[in-house]
N, C-alpha and C. Protein backbone atom coordinates (compact mmCIF):
# COMPACT_ATOMS: atom_id res chain seq x y z
N MET A 1 -36.84 -61.42 0.89
CA MET A 1 -38.09 -62.40 0.09
C MET A 1 -39.53 -62.19 0.60
N LEU A 2 -39.47 -63.30 1.64
CA LEU A 2 -40.52 -63.37 2.33
C LEU A 2 -40.17 -62.09 3.75
N THR A 3 -41.67 -61.50 4.11
CA THR A 3 -41.74 -60.72 5.29
C THR A 3 -42.46 -60.77 5.87
N SER A 4 -41.79 -60.26 7.01
CA SER A 4 -43.22 -60.08 8.31
C SER A 4 -44.43 -58.97 8.56
N ASP A 5 -44.06 -58.38 6.94
CA ASP A 5 -45.02 -56.63 7.01
C ASP A 5 -46.45 -57.31 7.30
N TYR A 6 -47.07 -57.96 7.68
CA TYR A 6 -48.33 -57.52 7.77
C TYR A 6 -49.43 -56.19 7.00
N VAL A 7 -50.28 -56.81 6.35
CA VAL A 7 -51.02 -55.87 5.87
C VAL A 7 -52.30 -55.75 6.38
N PRO A 8 -52.97 -54.96 7.28
CA PRO A 8 -54.37 -55.10 7.86
C PRO A 8 -55.62 -55.07 7.00
N GLY A 9 -56.33 -55.96 7.16
CA GLY A 9 -57.21 -56.37 6.51
C GLY A 9 -58.39 -57.31 6.87
N ASP A 10 -59.89 -57.07 6.02
CA ASP A 10 -60.84 -57.68 6.55
C ASP A 10 -61.26 -58.88 5.73
N SER A 11 -60.41 -59.34 4.15
CA SER A 11 -61.08 -60.01 3.47
C SER A 11 -60.70 -61.50 3.37
N ALA A 12 -61.33 -61.93 2.66
CA ALA A 12 -61.73 -63.35 3.43
C ALA A 12 -59.72 -64.36 3.46
N VAL A 13 -59.28 -63.37 2.36
CA VAL A 13 -57.99 -63.72 2.57
C VAL A 13 -57.15 -63.51 3.75
N HIS A 14 -57.45 -62.73 4.38
CA HIS A 14 -57.19 -62.56 5.57
C HIS A 14 -57.30 -63.22 6.54
N ARG A 15 -58.77 -63.78 6.59
CA ARG A 15 -60.22 -64.41 7.86
C ARG A 15 -59.27 -65.93 7.35
N ALA A 16 -59.69 -66.02 6.43
CA ALA A 16 -58.91 -67.39 6.23
C ALA A 16 -57.43 -67.95 7.35
N ARG A 17 -58.04 -69.35 7.85
CA ARG A 17 -57.46 -69.34 9.06
C ARG A 17 -55.87 -70.13 8.84
N PRO A 18 -54.64 -69.68 9.02
CA PRO A 18 -53.46 -69.51 8.34
C PRO A 18 -52.40 -71.05 8.37
N LEU A 19 -53.21 -72.40 9.02
CA LEU A 19 -53.16 -73.75 8.94
C LEU A 19 -53.74 -74.68 7.14
N ILE A 20 -54.35 -73.85 7.23
CA ILE A 20 -55.19 -73.53 5.87
C ILE A 20 -54.47 -73.13 4.75
N LYS A 21 -53.91 -71.91 5.04
CA LYS A 21 -53.26 -70.82 4.20
C LYS A 21 -51.87 -71.35 3.90
N VAL A 22 -52.11 -72.19 5.00
CA VAL A 22 -50.21 -72.84 4.50
C VAL A 22 -50.44 -74.23 3.92
N GLY A 23 -51.18 -74.92 4.13
CA GLY A 23 -51.73 -75.58 3.29
C GLY A 23 -51.80 -76.33 1.63
N LEU A 24 -52.48 -75.07 1.44
CA LEU A 24 -52.90 -74.51 0.19
C LEU A 24 -51.65 -73.80 -0.52
N LEU A 25 -50.68 -73.04 0.55
CA LEU A 25 -49.44 -72.50 -0.33
C LEU A 25 -48.59 -73.51 -0.51
N PHE A 26 -48.76 -74.81 0.33
CA PHE A 26 -47.75 -76.12 0.24
C PHE A 26 -48.35 -76.83 -1.13
N VAL A 27 -50.01 -77.34 -1.26
CA VAL A 27 -49.98 -77.43 -2.55
C VAL A 27 -49.74 -76.68 -3.72
N PHE A 28 -50.12 -75.20 -3.92
CA PHE A 28 -49.80 -74.81 -4.93
C PHE A 28 -48.89 -74.40 -5.32
N CYS A 29 -47.72 -74.61 -5.12
CA CYS A 29 -46.13 -74.61 -5.24
C CYS A 29 -45.65 -75.40 -5.74
N THR A 30 -46.18 -77.51 -5.24
CA THR A 30 -45.67 -77.93 -5.43
C THR A 30 -46.31 -78.36 -6.69
N TRP A 31 -47.76 -78.29 -7.48
CA TRP A 31 -48.02 -78.56 -8.52
C TRP A 31 -47.55 -78.10 -9.32
N LEU A 32 -47.05 -76.07 -9.13
CA LEU A 32 -46.72 -74.99 -9.67
C LEU A 32 -45.03 -75.90 -10.39
N PHE A 33 -44.36 -76.34 -9.60
CA PHE A 33 -43.46 -76.79 -9.32
C PHE A 33 -43.26 -77.90 -10.28
N LEU A 34 -44.82 -78.68 -11.15
CA LEU A 34 -44.13 -79.99 -11.39
C LEU A 34 -45.03 -79.49 -12.49
N GLN A 35 -45.03 -78.09 -12.86
CA GLN A 35 -45.98 -77.83 -14.28
C GLN A 35 -44.98 -77.27 -15.15
N GLU A 36 -45.08 -77.59 -16.55
CA GLU A 36 -43.97 -77.56 -17.33
C GLU A 36 -44.59 -76.38 -19.07
N GLY A 37 -45.74 -75.93 -18.69
CA GLY A 37 -46.26 -75.90 -19.86
C GLY A 37 -47.34 -73.89 -19.73
N TRP A 38 -46.78 -73.10 -20.58
CA TRP A 38 -46.92 -71.69 -20.04
C TRP A 38 -48.55 -71.65 -19.76
N LEU A 39 -49.60 -72.84 -20.24
CA LEU A 39 -50.88 -72.52 -19.55
C LEU A 39 -51.17 -72.34 -18.10
N SER A 40 -50.22 -73.14 -17.22
CA SER A 40 -50.72 -73.61 -15.91
C SER A 40 -50.25 -72.59 -15.90
N LEU A 41 -48.85 -71.69 -16.10
CA LEU A 41 -47.87 -70.80 -15.34
C LEU A 41 -49.17 -69.47 -15.34
N SER A 42 -49.77 -69.39 -16.60
CA SER A 42 -50.28 -67.84 -16.89
C SER A 42 -51.73 -68.04 -15.84
N VAL A 43 -52.55 -69.76 -15.80
CA VAL A 43 -53.24 -69.33 -14.82
C VAL A 43 -53.26 -69.34 -13.54
N ALA A 44 -51.60 -70.19 -13.52
CA ALA A 44 -51.67 -69.19 -11.58
C ALA A 44 -51.10 -68.74 -11.38
N GLY A 45 -50.57 -67.44 -12.34
CA GLY A 45 -50.44 -65.98 -12.00
C GLY A 45 -51.96 -65.47 -11.57
N MET A 46 -52.73 -65.55 -12.56
CA MET A 46 -54.05 -65.10 -13.06
C MET A 46 -54.61 -65.21 -11.41
N ALA A 47 -54.71 -66.16 -10.96
CA ALA A 47 -55.10 -66.93 -9.97
C ALA A 47 -54.68 -66.36 -8.33
N LEU A 48 -53.38 -65.95 -8.63
CA LEU A 48 -52.39 -64.90 -7.73
C LEU A 48 -53.20 -63.48 -7.40
N ALA A 49 -52.61 -62.77 -8.88
CA ALA A 49 -53.27 -61.69 -9.16
C ALA A 49 -54.73 -61.48 -8.38
N ALA A 50 -55.55 -62.26 -8.43
CA ALA A 50 -56.87 -62.47 -8.84
C ALA A 50 -56.85 -62.66 -6.81
N LEU A 51 -55.99 -63.49 -6.06
CA LEU A 51 -56.32 -63.04 -4.94
C LEU A 51 -55.31 -61.73 -3.53
N LEU A 52 -54.36 -61.28 -4.73
CA LEU A 52 -53.54 -60.34 -4.18
C LEU A 52 -54.74 -59.42 -3.78
N ALA A 53 -55.95 -58.89 -5.53
CA ALA A 53 -56.43 -58.22 -5.17
C ALA A 53 -58.05 -58.87 -4.40
N VAL A 54 -58.34 -59.06 -4.47
CA VAL A 54 -59.09 -59.52 -3.20
C VAL A 54 -58.53 -59.07 -1.70
N ALA A 55 -57.31 -59.29 -1.06
CA ALA A 55 -56.36 -58.69 -0.08
C ALA A 55 -56.73 -57.40 0.23
N ARG A 56 -56.33 -56.72 -1.13
CA ARG A 56 -55.79 -55.57 -1.64
C ARG A 56 -54.57 -55.13 -0.80
N ILE A 57 -53.60 -55.81 -1.37
CA ILE A 57 -52.38 -55.53 -0.84
C ILE A 57 -51.24 -54.79 -2.01
N PRO A 58 -51.59 -53.44 -1.64
CA PRO A 58 -51.11 -52.08 -2.86
C PRO A 58 -49.98 -52.78 -3.27
N PRO A 59 -49.64 -52.60 -4.35
CA PRO A 59 -48.45 -52.88 -5.86
C PRO A 59 -47.27 -52.55 -5.51
N ARG A 60 -47.15 -52.03 -4.23
CA ARG A 60 -45.50 -51.35 -4.53
C ARG A 60 -44.98 -52.55 -3.06
N MET A 61 -46.26 -52.86 -2.45
CA MET A 61 -45.83 -54.44 -1.28
C MET A 61 -45.26 -55.42 -2.08
N VAL A 62 -46.72 -55.75 -3.84
CA VAL A 62 -45.79 -56.55 -4.18
C VAL A 62 -44.68 -56.67 -4.90
N PHE A 63 -43.92 -55.83 -5.03
CA PHE A 63 -42.72 -55.34 -6.15
C PHE A 63 -41.78 -55.82 -4.55
N ALA A 64 -42.04 -55.33 -3.52
CA ALA A 64 -41.15 -55.34 -2.80
C ALA A 64 -41.07 -56.79 -1.60
N ALA A 65 -42.19 -57.17 -2.68
CA ALA A 65 -41.85 -59.08 -1.80
C ALA A 65 -40.93 -60.09 -2.75
N VAL A 66 -40.88 -59.20 -4.71
CA VAL A 66 -39.96 -59.59 -5.32
C VAL A 66 -38.17 -59.37 -4.96
N ARG A 67 -38.43 -57.76 -4.85
CA ARG A 67 -37.05 -57.12 -5.41
C ARG A 67 -36.15 -58.22 -4.66
N PRO A 68 -36.33 -58.00 -3.32
CA PRO A 68 -34.73 -58.32 -3.03
C PRO A 68 -34.22 -60.20 -3.86
N ALA A 69 -35.42 -60.44 -4.68
CA ALA A 69 -34.88 -61.56 -5.16
C ALA A 69 -34.38 -61.51 -6.83
N LEU A 70 -34.83 -60.23 -6.70
CA LEU A 70 -34.08 -59.65 -8.28
C LEU A 70 -33.10 -60.67 -9.11
N TRP A 71 -31.87 -60.43 -7.95
CA TRP A 71 -30.69 -60.77 -8.73
C TRP A 71 -30.30 -62.72 -8.34
N VAL A 72 -31.19 -62.95 -7.53
CA VAL A 72 -31.17 -64.63 -7.41
C VAL A 72 -31.70 -65.14 -8.53
N LEU A 73 -33.11 -64.68 -9.03
CA LEU A 73 -33.93 -64.38 -10.41
C LEU A 73 -33.05 -64.65 -11.92
N GLY A 74 -32.21 -63.35 -11.51
CA GLY A 74 -31.31 -62.95 -12.68
C GLY A 74 -30.23 -64.07 -13.03
N LEU A 75 -29.60 -64.67 -11.93
CA LEU A 75 -28.53 -65.50 -12.06
C LEU A 75 -29.25 -66.42 -12.67
N ILE A 76 -30.81 -67.15 -11.59
CA ILE A 76 -31.02 -68.34 -12.51
C ILE A 76 -31.36 -68.50 -13.93
N PHE A 77 -32.22 -67.08 -14.32
CA PHE A 77 -32.26 -66.58 -15.64
C PHE A 77 -30.93 -66.76 -16.64
N LEU A 78 -29.81 -66.56 -16.19
CA LEU A 78 -28.91 -66.94 -16.94
C LEU A 78 -28.19 -68.23 -17.02
N ALA A 79 -28.56 -69.38 -16.24
CA ALA A 79 -28.07 -70.36 -16.12
C ALA A 79 -28.58 -71.24 -16.94
N GLN A 80 -29.97 -70.88 -16.33
CA GLN A 80 -30.88 -72.02 -17.79
C GLN A 80 -30.99 -71.86 -19.07
N LEU A 81 -30.05 -69.88 -19.49
CA LEU A 81 -30.41 -69.28 -21.03
C LEU A 81 -29.14 -69.71 -21.44
N PHE A 82 -28.14 -70.67 -20.51
CA PHE A 82 -27.15 -70.96 -20.65
C PHE A 82 -26.95 -73.05 -21.61
N LEU A 83 -28.12 -73.71 -20.24
CA LEU A 83 -28.15 -74.61 -20.52
C LEU A 83 -29.33 -74.74 -21.67
N ALA A 84 -30.28 -73.99 -21.46
CA ALA A 84 -30.85 -74.13 -22.38
C ALA A 84 -31.41 -72.86 -23.25
N ASP A 85 -32.23 -72.61 -23.44
CA ASP A 85 -32.73 -71.39 -24.32
C ASP A 85 -34.18 -70.19 -23.75
N TRP A 86 -34.24 -68.91 -23.69
CA TRP A 86 -34.52 -68.03 -23.48
C TRP A 86 -35.95 -68.09 -23.19
N ARG A 87 -36.11 -68.80 -24.31
CA ARG A 87 -38.26 -69.31 -23.33
C ARG A 87 -38.23 -69.79 -22.05
N PHE A 88 -37.33 -71.46 -22.02
CA PHE A 88 -37.47 -72.31 -20.74
C PHE A 88 -36.40 -71.07 -19.48
N ALA A 89 -35.98 -70.25 -19.78
CA ALA A 89 -35.28 -69.60 -18.52
C ALA A 89 -36.79 -68.08 -18.29
N GLY A 90 -37.39 -67.84 -19.65
CA GLY A 90 -38.18 -66.48 -18.93
C GLY A 90 -39.10 -67.94 -17.45
N PHE A 91 -39.43 -68.66 -18.25
CA PHE A 91 -40.75 -69.62 -17.73
C PHE A 91 -40.70 -70.03 -16.19
N VAL A 92 -38.61 -70.47 -16.36
CA VAL A 92 -38.44 -70.46 -14.97
C VAL A 92 -38.00 -69.95 -13.74
N VAL A 93 -38.31 -68.91 -14.12
CA VAL A 93 -37.93 -67.64 -13.15
C VAL A 93 -39.37 -67.09 -13.42
N LEU A 94 -40.30 -67.11 -14.10
CA LEU A 94 -41.52 -66.42 -13.86
C LEU A 94 -42.32 -67.48 -12.38
N ARG A 95 -41.79 -68.69 -12.83
CA ARG A 95 -42.36 -69.73 -12.28
C ARG A 95 -42.06 -69.43 -10.65
N PHE A 96 -40.98 -69.10 -10.33
CA PHE A 96 -40.34 -68.99 -9.24
C PHE A 96 -41.11 -67.47 -8.65
N ALA A 97 -40.61 -66.07 -9.16
CA ALA A 97 -41.61 -64.90 -9.35
C ALA A 97 -42.40 -65.28 -8.07
N VAL A 98 -43.83 -66.44 -9.22
CA VAL A 98 -45.25 -66.49 -9.07
C VAL A 98 -45.12 -67.64 -7.18
N MET A 99 -44.14 -67.97 -7.32
CA MET A 99 -44.04 -68.70 -5.89
C MET A 99 -43.83 -67.53 -4.30
N ILE A 100 -42.68 -67.19 -5.05
CA ILE A 100 -42.46 -66.37 -4.15
C ILE A 100 -43.44 -65.03 -4.01
N LEU A 101 -44.20 -64.60 -5.00
CA LEU A 101 -45.30 -64.29 -4.55
C LEU A 101 -46.82 -65.19 -3.64
N ALA A 102 -46.49 -66.07 -3.84
CA ALA A 102 -47.53 -66.93 -2.81
C ALA A 102 -47.42 -66.77 -1.51
N ALA A 103 -46.26 -66.98 -1.80
CA ALA A 103 -45.45 -67.27 -0.03
C ALA A 103 -45.60 -65.86 1.02
N SER A 104 -45.17 -64.63 -0.34
CA SER A 104 -45.36 -63.07 0.66
C SER A 104 -46.66 -63.85 0.81
N LEU A 105 -47.89 -63.71 0.35
CA LEU A 105 -49.28 -63.92 0.50
C LEU A 105 -49.52 -64.21 1.14
N LEU A 106 -49.10 -64.81 1.87
CA LEU A 106 -49.55 -65.63 3.38
C LEU A 106 -48.96 -64.75 4.60
N THR A 107 -47.33 -63.90 4.68
CA THR A 107 -47.16 -63.30 4.93
C THR A 107 -47.65 -62.37 5.57
N LEU A 108 -48.33 -61.45 4.07
CA LEU A 108 -48.26 -60.73 4.65
C LEU A 108 -49.91 -60.08 4.21
N THR A 109 -50.68 -61.05 4.92
CA THR A 109 -52.26 -61.77 4.99
C THR A 109 -52.11 -62.30 6.52
N THR A 110 -51.51 -62.53 6.86
CA THR A 110 -51.36 -62.81 7.97
C THR A 110 -50.09 -63.12 9.59
N ARG A 111 -50.80 -62.49 9.99
CA ARG A 111 -49.34 -62.02 11.59
C ARG A 111 -49.18 -63.07 11.97
N THR A 112 -47.80 -62.66 11.92
CA THR A 112 -46.68 -63.82 12.76
C THR A 112 -47.56 -64.33 13.93
N SER A 113 -47.92 -64.09 15.01
CA SER A 113 -47.58 -64.52 15.52
C SER A 113 -48.81 -65.60 16.31
N ASP A 114 -50.35 -65.35 14.71
CA ASP A 114 -51.71 -66.08 14.58
C ASP A 114 -50.95 -67.65 13.56
N LEU A 115 -49.73 -67.08 13.21
CA LEU A 115 -49.02 -68.56 12.47
C LEU A 115 -47.93 -69.45 12.92
N VAL A 116 -47.63 -68.50 14.06
CA VAL A 116 -46.57 -69.01 15.20
C VAL A 116 -47.47 -70.07 15.49
N GLU A 117 -48.58 -69.59 16.09
CA GLU A 117 -49.62 -70.23 17.32
C GLU A 117 -50.52 -71.66 16.25
N ALA A 118 -50.74 -70.78 15.74
CA ALA A 118 -51.49 -72.27 14.45
C ALA A 118 -50.20 -73.25 14.76
N ILE A 119 -49.18 -73.31 13.73
CA ILE A 119 -48.11 -74.44 13.82
C ILE A 119 -47.96 -74.46 15.24
N GLU A 120 -47.70 -74.14 15.48
CA GLU A 120 -47.42 -75.13 17.44
C GLU A 120 -48.26 -75.71 17.60
N GLY A 121 -49.94 -75.08 17.83
CA GLY A 121 -51.04 -75.96 17.68
C GLY A 121 -50.68 -77.32 17.17
N ALA A 122 -50.44 -77.08 15.94
CA ALA A 122 -50.26 -78.83 15.03
C ALA A 122 -49.59 -79.50 15.07
N LEU A 123 -48.14 -78.82 15.96
CA LEU A 123 -47.03 -79.67 16.38
C LEU A 123 -47.24 -80.33 17.26
N SER A 124 -48.28 -80.14 18.23
CA SER A 124 -48.07 -80.25 19.36
C SER A 124 -48.82 -81.42 19.58
N GLN A 125 -49.72 -81.73 18.24
CA GLN A 125 -50.30 -83.16 17.65
C GLN A 125 -49.26 -84.09 17.67
N PHE A 126 -48.58 -83.84 17.89
CA PHE A 126 -47.61 -85.51 17.23
C PHE A 126 -46.55 -84.94 18.25
N LEU A 127 -45.49 -84.04 18.70
CA LEU A 127 -44.48 -84.00 19.59
C LEU A 127 -44.86 -83.14 20.89
N PRO A 128 -44.10 -83.24 21.39
CA PRO A 128 -43.88 -83.09 22.60
C PRO A 128 -44.06 -81.52 23.05
N GLN A 129 -44.67 -81.31 23.67
CA GLN A 129 -45.29 -79.17 23.91
C GLN A 129 -44.02 -78.62 24.15
N ARG A 130 -42.78 -79.12 24.80
CA ARG A 130 -41.93 -78.31 24.46
C ARG A 130 -40.74 -77.99 23.29
N SER A 131 -41.59 -79.75 22.49
CA SER A 131 -40.57 -79.25 21.39
C SER A 131 -41.21 -78.38 20.28
N ALA A 132 -42.89 -78.54 20.27
CA ALA A 132 -43.95 -77.94 19.07
C ALA A 132 -43.34 -76.46 19.77
N GLU A 133 -43.03 -75.97 20.73
CA GLU A 133 -42.31 -74.45 21.19
C GLU A 133 -41.32 -74.68 20.66
N ALA A 134 -40.29 -75.10 20.90
CA ALA A 134 -38.87 -74.66 20.32
C ALA A 134 -39.42 -74.49 18.97
N ILE A 135 -39.47 -75.34 17.89
CA ILE A 135 -39.84 -75.02 16.85
C ILE A 135 -40.75 -73.77 16.51
N SER A 136 -41.60 -73.42 16.85
CA SER A 136 -42.28 -72.41 16.88
C SER A 136 -41.56 -71.28 17.04
N LEU A 137 -40.96 -71.23 18.28
CA LEU A 137 -39.67 -70.34 18.46
C LEU A 137 -38.26 -70.01 16.87
N ALA A 138 -38.81 -70.46 17.15
CA ALA A 138 -37.18 -71.60 15.08
C ALA A 138 -38.09 -70.45 14.51
N LEU A 139 -39.37 -70.57 14.13
CA LEU A 139 -39.91 -70.33 13.32
C LEU A 139 -40.52 -68.97 13.00
N SER A 140 -40.88 -68.13 14.65
CA SER A 140 -40.57 -66.58 14.88
C SER A 140 -39.95 -65.88 14.56
N LEU A 141 -38.53 -66.33 14.91
CA LEU A 141 -37.25 -65.68 15.12
C LEU A 141 -37.13 -65.36 13.04
N CYS A 142 -37.36 -66.66 12.16
CA CYS A 142 -36.78 -66.84 10.98
C CYS A 142 -37.57 -65.82 10.83
N LEU A 143 -38.91 -65.59 10.77
CA LEU A 143 -39.84 -64.81 9.83
C LEU A 143 -39.50 -63.44 10.51
N ARG A 144 -39.35 -62.56 11.75
CA ARG A 144 -38.80 -61.72 11.84
C ARG A 144 -37.84 -61.10 11.78
N PHE A 145 -36.68 -62.21 11.79
CA PHE A 145 -35.53 -62.74 11.43
C PHE A 145 -35.18 -61.13 9.91
N ILE A 146 -35.82 -62.04 9.12
CA ILE A 146 -35.67 -61.47 7.44
C ILE A 146 -35.62 -60.42 7.14
N PRO A 147 -36.75 -59.49 7.66
CA PRO A 147 -37.15 -57.99 7.67
C PRO A 147 -36.36 -57.14 8.11
N ARG A 148 -35.07 -58.15 9.01
CA ARG A 148 -34.95 -57.58 9.87
C ARG A 148 -33.37 -57.28 9.34
N VAL A 149 -33.14 -57.87 8.69
CA VAL A 149 -31.89 -58.17 7.62
C VAL A 149 -31.83 -56.91 6.83
N ARG A 150 -33.05 -57.54 6.00
CA ARG A 150 -33.54 -56.24 5.10
C ARG A 150 -32.44 -54.59 5.33
N ASP A 151 -33.36 -54.73 6.55
CA ASP A 151 -33.28 -53.56 7.08
C ASP A 151 -32.09 -53.07 6.97
N ILE A 152 -31.19 -54.02 8.02
CA ILE A 152 -29.91 -53.31 8.00
C ILE A 152 -29.12 -53.20 6.79
N PHE A 153 -29.58 -53.89 5.92
CA PHE A 153 -29.23 -53.40 4.68
C PHE A 153 -29.30 -52.36 3.59
N ASP A 154 -30.77 -51.56 4.17
CA ASP A 154 -30.94 -51.04 4.16
C ASP A 154 -29.78 -49.28 4.26
N GLU A 155 -30.09 -49.96 6.03
CA GLU A 155 -29.36 -48.66 6.72
C GLU A 155 -27.70 -48.56 6.10
N VAL A 156 -27.03 -49.87 6.13
CA VAL A 156 -25.72 -49.66 5.04
C VAL A 156 -25.69 -48.77 3.82
N LYS A 157 -26.53 -48.91 3.14
CA LYS A 157 -26.53 -48.95 2.56
C LYS A 157 -26.35 -46.98 2.32
N ASN A 158 -27.33 -46.64 2.91
CA ASN A 158 -27.71 -44.82 2.67
C ASN A 158 -26.45 -44.60 3.72
N ALA A 159 -26.60 -45.16 4.80
CA ALA A 159 -25.06 -44.93 5.46
C ALA A 159 -24.17 -44.69 4.57
N GLN A 160 -22.99 -45.73 3.47
CA GLN A 160 -22.64 -45.63 2.61
C GLN A 160 -22.66 -44.28 1.63
N ARG A 161 -24.11 -44.77 1.00
CA ARG A 161 -24.09 -42.90 0.02
C ARG A 161 -23.88 -41.41 1.08
N ALA A 162 -24.42 -42.07 2.21
CA ALA A 162 -24.19 -40.27 2.74
C ALA A 162 -22.29 -39.95 3.25
N ARG A 163 -21.39 -40.66 3.26
CA ARG A 163 -20.30 -40.88 3.06
C ARG A 163 -19.47 -40.75 1.80
N GLY A 164 -20.24 -41.03 1.10
CA GLY A 164 -19.93 -40.85 -0.47
C GLY A 164 -19.00 -42.14 -0.91
N LEU A 165 -18.80 -43.49 -0.58
CA LEU A 165 -17.67 -44.44 -0.36
C LEU A 165 -18.46 -45.35 -1.65
N GLY A 166 -19.95 -44.58 -2.27
CA GLY A 166 -20.47 -46.00 -3.22
C GLY A 166 -21.39 -47.11 -3.01
N THR A 167 -22.11 -48.12 -3.71
CA THR A 167 -22.50 -49.26 -3.48
C THR A 167 -22.01 -49.90 -3.77
N SER A 168 -20.75 -49.90 -3.86
CA SER A 168 -20.28 -51.51 -4.44
C SER A 168 -20.55 -52.43 -3.39
N TRP A 169 -20.61 -54.17 -4.06
CA TRP A 169 -21.41 -55.41 -3.42
C TRP A 169 -20.22 -55.05 -1.83
N ARG A 170 -19.33 -55.30 -1.96
CA ARG A 170 -17.87 -55.22 -0.75
C ARG A 170 -18.55 -54.79 0.46
N ALA A 171 -18.45 -53.26 0.13
CA ALA A 171 -18.98 -52.68 0.47
C ALA A 171 -19.88 -52.92 1.56
N LEU A 172 -21.15 -53.33 0.39
CA LEU A 172 -22.29 -53.01 1.12
C LEU A 172 -22.66 -54.27 2.12
N VAL A 173 -21.91 -55.46 1.65
CA VAL A 173 -22.29 -56.92 2.31
C VAL A 173 -21.37 -57.22 3.37
N THR A 174 -20.36 -56.78 3.29
CA THR A 174 -19.58 -57.10 4.65
C THR A 174 -20.58 -56.20 5.69
N PRO A 175 -20.23 -55.03 5.70
CA PRO A 175 -21.77 -54.72 7.34
C PRO A 175 -22.35 -55.28 7.19
N THR A 176 -23.17 -55.64 6.08
CA THR A 176 -24.71 -55.90 6.44
C THR A 176 -24.44 -57.32 7.86
N ILE A 177 -23.83 -57.94 6.90
CA ILE A 177 -23.27 -59.26 7.49
C ILE A 177 -22.64 -59.60 8.97
N VAL A 178 -21.98 -58.52 9.06
CA VAL A 178 -21.40 -58.45 10.71
C VAL A 178 -22.49 -57.68 11.21
N ARG A 179 -23.28 -56.90 10.90
CA ARG A 179 -23.86 -56.11 12.11
C ARG A 179 -25.38 -57.66 11.91
N ALA A 180 -25.77 -58.45 11.17
CA ALA A 180 -26.64 -59.50 11.48
C ALA A 180 -26.08 -60.25 12.42
N LEU A 181 -25.30 -60.64 12.03
CA LEU A 181 -24.96 -61.90 12.94
C LEU A 181 -24.70 -60.76 15.14
N LYS A 182 -24.35 -59.87 14.32
CA LYS A 182 -24.00 -59.22 16.37
C LYS A 182 -25.97 -59.29 16.77
N SER A 183 -26.70 -59.29 15.34
CA SER A 183 -28.22 -59.12 16.02
C SER A 183 -28.39 -59.90 16.65
N ALA A 184 -28.47 -60.97 15.74
CA ALA A 184 -28.57 -62.65 15.80
C ALA A 184 -27.87 -63.06 17.17
N ASP A 185 -26.53 -62.69 17.59
CA ASP A 185 -26.20 -63.00 18.33
C ASP A 185 -27.13 -62.06 19.81
N GLU A 186 -27.34 -60.94 19.86
CA GLU A 186 -28.12 -60.17 21.00
C GLU A 186 -29.17 -61.28 20.83
N ILE A 187 -29.38 -61.29 20.38
CA ILE A 187 -31.18 -62.75 20.04
C ILE A 187 -31.25 -63.99 21.17
N ALA A 188 -29.72 -63.95 20.59
CA ALA A 188 -29.73 -65.88 21.08
C ALA A 188 -29.09 -65.15 22.51
N ARG A 189 -28.98 -64.85 23.32
CA ARG A 189 -28.31 -64.33 24.17
C ARG A 189 -30.00 -63.86 25.40
N ALA A 190 -30.60 -62.96 25.14
CA ALA A 190 -31.48 -62.50 25.24
C ALA A 190 -32.32 -64.22 25.72
N ILE A 191 -32.99 -64.76 24.52
CA ILE A 191 -33.09 -66.03 24.58
C ILE A 191 -32.79 -66.60 25.56
N VAL A 192 -31.24 -66.84 26.01
CA VAL A 192 -30.61 -68.18 26.71
C VAL A 192 -31.08 -66.83 28.36
N ALA A 193 -30.90 -66.16 28.47
CA ALA A 193 -31.14 -65.27 29.95
C ALA A 193 -32.52 -65.42 30.08
N ARG A 194 -33.67 -65.25 29.10
CA ARG A 194 -34.89 -65.67 29.98
C ARG A 194 -35.48 -66.66 30.06
N SER A 195 -34.91 -68.33 29.62
CA SER A 195 -34.76 -69.66 29.80
C SER A 195 -34.96 -70.47 30.79
N PRO A 196 -35.45 -71.22 31.21
CA PRO A 196 -35.23 -72.18 32.83
C PRO A 196 -33.93 -72.80 32.30
N GLY A 197 -32.87 -72.89 32.84
CA GLY A 197 -32.08 -73.74 33.61
C GLY A 197 -31.90 -74.58 34.29
N PRO A 198 -30.18 -74.48 34.75
CA PRO A 198 -30.12 -75.58 36.03
C PRO A 198 -30.21 -74.53 36.89
N ALA A 199 -29.20 -74.88 38.36
CA ALA A 199 -29.74 -74.08 39.67
C ALA A 199 -28.84 -72.96 39.58
N ASP A 200 -27.96 -72.72 38.62
CA ASP A 200 -26.90 -71.44 39.09
C ASP A 200 -27.59 -70.49 37.72
N GLY A 201 -28.38 -70.93 36.60
CA GLY A 201 -29.33 -70.10 35.66
C GLY A 201 -28.43 -70.76 34.62
N PRO A 202 -29.20 -70.69 33.41
CA PRO A 202 -28.81 -70.65 32.51
C PRO A 202 -28.24 -70.52 31.27
N ALA A 203 -27.13 -71.04 30.54
CA ALA A 203 -26.26 -70.87 30.05
C ALA A 203 -25.64 -70.12 29.44
N MET A 204 -24.74 -68.95 29.09
CA MET A 204 -24.77 -68.17 27.54
C MET A 204 -23.95 -68.57 26.65
N PRO A 205 -24.16 -68.07 25.38
CA PRO A 205 -23.76 -68.92 24.11
C PRO A 205 -21.76 -68.75 25.06
N ASP A 206 -21.15 -68.31 25.38
CA ASP A 206 -19.55 -68.28 25.77
C ASP A 206 -19.78 -69.29 27.15
N GLY A 207 -20.79 -69.64 27.34
CA GLY A 207 -20.34 -70.75 29.03
C GLY A 207 -20.81 -70.23 29.96
N ARG A 208 -20.65 -68.93 29.95
CA ARG A 208 -20.62 -68.26 31.74
C ARG A 208 -22.31 -68.80 31.86
N HIS A 209 -22.85 -68.54 33.09
CA HIS A 209 -24.23 -68.17 33.30
C HIS A 209 -24.86 -66.88 33.92
N VAL A 210 -26.21 -67.01 33.71
CA VAL A 210 -26.58 -65.50 34.35
C VAL A 210 -27.30 -66.23 35.42
N ARG A 211 -27.74 -65.57 36.47
CA ARG A 211 -27.65 -65.89 38.20
C ARG A 211 -28.89 -65.22 38.58
């Protein structure tokens, strides 16, 4: 859903400070979540569409931001359809879709490094520098790992098709999870190996030390 596929540009949306965009995203999503009318949703959708146009985000990037969440939105629609009616179900799904697009607008118009640096600077005002750096590193890894999981899923899907094994969810999900966990473990080992540790070197996840 969220990606780190930054789209270069010189629009007002691109030039806005990262912290301002994060704050506006929080306010926008909170306000939209509290609304229950179609008028508010329509206004929010048109405002978001205008910002996407100003930022010159290609339509394919807009669709790519929502595509991974389509099955989740489908489940939400079915649940709300069972609990209420199709009108309310459609409203809830569209509201979530607008929120996803709003969050994607942030990542599409903000470099990951700029976003992490801005958040680290803000956190350092309230937390020790080491804690602020750790939180910003965790955020950076999350933002970078989301598209990595998407790429792994696409690679597994293409490999399954090439072998004529079909695209069943079981055949896709299991290899994707295994490869994602392996990739995460490799990243963790690389970070630990480069982190300051005791005199005999930083500890690896399995308890060994790097000398």
